[in-house]
C-alpha atoms as a PDB file:
ATOM      1  CA  MET A   1      20.226  -3.473 -35.001  1.00  0.00           C
ATOM      2  CA  ARG A   2      20.259  -1.538 -31.883  1.00  0.00           C
ATOM      3  CA  THR A   3      18.906  -2.440 -28.461  1.00  0.00           C
ATOM      4  CA  GLU A   4      17.835   0.101 -25.894  1.00  0.00           C
ATOM      5  CA  THR A   5      16.162  -0.120 -22.520  1.00  0.00           C
ATOM      6  CA  LEU A   6      13.909   2.712 -21.588  1.00  0.00           C
ATOM      7  CA  GLU A   7      12.608   3.602 -18.154  1.00  0.00           C
ATOM      8  CA  VAL A   8       8.880   4.007 -18.561  1.00  0.00           C
ATOM      9  CA  ARG A   9       6.599   5.510 -15.688  1.00  0.00           C
ATOM     10  CA  GLY A  10       2.927   4.727 -15.397  1.00  0.00           C
ATOM     11  CA  MET A  11       2.715   1.027 -16.421  1.00  0.00           C
ATOM     12  CA  THR A  12       0.730  -0.948 -13.778  1.00  0.00           C
ATOM     13  CA  CYS A  13      -0.402  -4.143 -15.376  1.00  0.00           C
ATOM     14  CA  GLY A  14      -0.061  -6.510 -18.270  1.00  0.00           C
ATOM     15  CA  GLY A  15      -2.663  -4.387 -20.099  1.00  0.00           C
ATOM     16  CA  CYS A  16      -0.284  -1.387 -19.930  1.00  0.00           C
ATOM     17  CA  GLU A  17       2.558  -3.567 -21.324  1.00  0.00           C
ATOM     18  CA  ARG A  18       0.357  -4.767 -24.073  1.00  0.00           C
ATOM     19  CA  ARG A  19      -0.525  -1.071 -25.124  1.00  0.00           C
ATOM     20  CA  ILE A  20       3.189  -0.310 -25.307  1.00  0.00           C
ATOM     21  CA  ARG A  21       4.181  -3.275 -27.158  1.00  0.00           C
ATOM     22  CA  ASP A  22       1.373  -2.767 -29.740  1.00  0.00           C
ATOM     23  CA  ALA A  23       2.202   1.003 -30.428  1.00  0.00           C
ATOM     24  CA  VAL A  24       6.015   0.428 -30.479  1.00  0.00           C
ATOM     25  CA  SER A  25       5.841  -2.796 -32.638  1.00  0.00           C
ATOM     26  CA  ALA A  26       3.680  -0.844 -35.222  1.00  0.00           C
ATOM     27  CA  LEU A  27       6.709   1.484 -35.973  1.00  0.00           C
ATOM     28  CA  PRO A  28       8.716   0.555 -39.000  1.00  0.00           C
ATOM     29  CA  GLY A  29      12.104  -1.149 -38.259  1.00  0.00           C
ATOM     30  CA  VAL A  30      11.203  -2.290 -34.699  1.00  0.00           C
ATOM     31  CA  THR A  31      11.981  -6.043 -34.307  1.00  0.00           C
ATOM     32  CA  SER A  32      11.371  -6.648 -30.649  1.00  0.00           C
ATOM     33  CA  VAL A  33       9.513  -5.048 -27.786  1.00  0.00           C
ATOM     34  CA  VAL A  34       9.562  -6.336 -24.105  1.00  0.00           C
ATOM     35  CA  ALA A  35       7.558  -4.227 -21.751  1.00  0.00           C
ATOM     36  CA  GLU A  36       7.839  -4.892 -17.888  1.00  0.00           C
ATOM     37  CA  HIS A  37       5.654  -2.939 -15.608  1.00  0.00           C
ATOM     38  CA  ILE A  38       7.256  -4.333 -12.453  1.00  0.00           C
ATOM     39  CA  GLY A  39      10.633  -3.043 -13.363  1.00  0.00           C
ATOM     40  CA  ASP A  40       9.391   0.055 -15.290  1.00  0.00           C
ATOM     41  CA  GLU A  41      11.456  -0.956 -18.311  1.00  0.00           C
ATOM     42  CA  VAL A  42      10.842  -1.279 -21.987  1.00  0.00           C
ATOM     43  CA  GLU A  43      13.502  -3.030 -24.068  1.00  0.00           C
ATOM     44  CA  VAL A  44      13.354  -2.205 -27.820  1.00  0.00           C
ATOM     45  CA  THR A  45      15.362  -3.661 -30.712  1.00  0.00           C
ATOM     46  CA  PHE A  46      15.269  -1.766 -33.826  1.00  0.00           C
ATOM     47  CA  ASP A  47      16.810  -0.836 -37.098  1.00  0.00           C
ATOM     48  CA  GLU A  48      18.328   2.680 -36.640  1.00  0.00           C
ATOM     49  CA  THR A  49      18.077   3.400 -40.340  1.00  0.00           C
ATOM     50  CA  SER A  50      14.323   2.943 -40.158  1.00  0.00           C
ATOM     51  CA  VAL A  51      13.230   4.384 -36.828  1.00  0.00           C
ATOM     52  CA  GLY A  52      14.958   6.542 -34.126  1.00  0.00           C
ATOM     53  CA  LEU A  53      14.603   6.715 -30.269  1.00  0.00           C
ATOM     54  CA  ASP A  54      12.599   9.888 -30.475  1.00  0.00           C
ATOM     55  CA  ALA A  55       9.800   8.167 -32.489  1.00  0.00           C
ATOM     56  CA  ILE A  56       9.807   5.156 -30.079  1.00  0.00           C
ATOM     57  CA  ARG A  57       9.534   7.600 -27.116  1.00  0.00           C
ATOM     58  CA  SER A  58       6.773   9.533 -28.847  1.00  0.00           C
ATOM     59  CA  ALA A  59       4.859   6.194 -29.565  1.00  0.00           C
ATOM     60  CA  ILE A  60       4.999   5.424 -25.780  1.00  0.00           C
ATOM     61  CA  GLY A  61       4.157   8.894 -24.782  1.00  0.00           C
ATOM     62  CA  ALA A  62       1.124   8.947 -27.060  1.00  0.00           C
ATOM     63  CA  LYS A  63      -0.305   6.004 -25.063  1.00  0.00           C
ATOM     64  CA  GLY A  64      -0.132   8.174 -21.904  1.00  0.00           C
ATOM     65  CA  PHE A  65       3.012   6.739 -20.373  1.00  0.00           C
ATOM     66  CA  GLY A  66       6.176   8.811 -19.463  1.00  0.00           C
ATOM     67  CA  VAL A  67       9.608   8.009 -20.732  1.00  0.00           C
ATOM     68  CA  VAL A  68      12.465   8.953 -18.334  1.00  0.00           C
END
């Protein structure tokens, strides 16, 4: 398992956090997602053999947020 903290731009509320959590949690191999709009951070724990950071970044970007 690997844990990464991503800087994400555009989150303004709990609804934004929920949209990101739902999108990233749906990816195979993701075991935990914590999104915090106040700190502009998303912490993701995932199995690298099932999913990569590019797919996680893409899932966040597809919801309209920017990953730094």
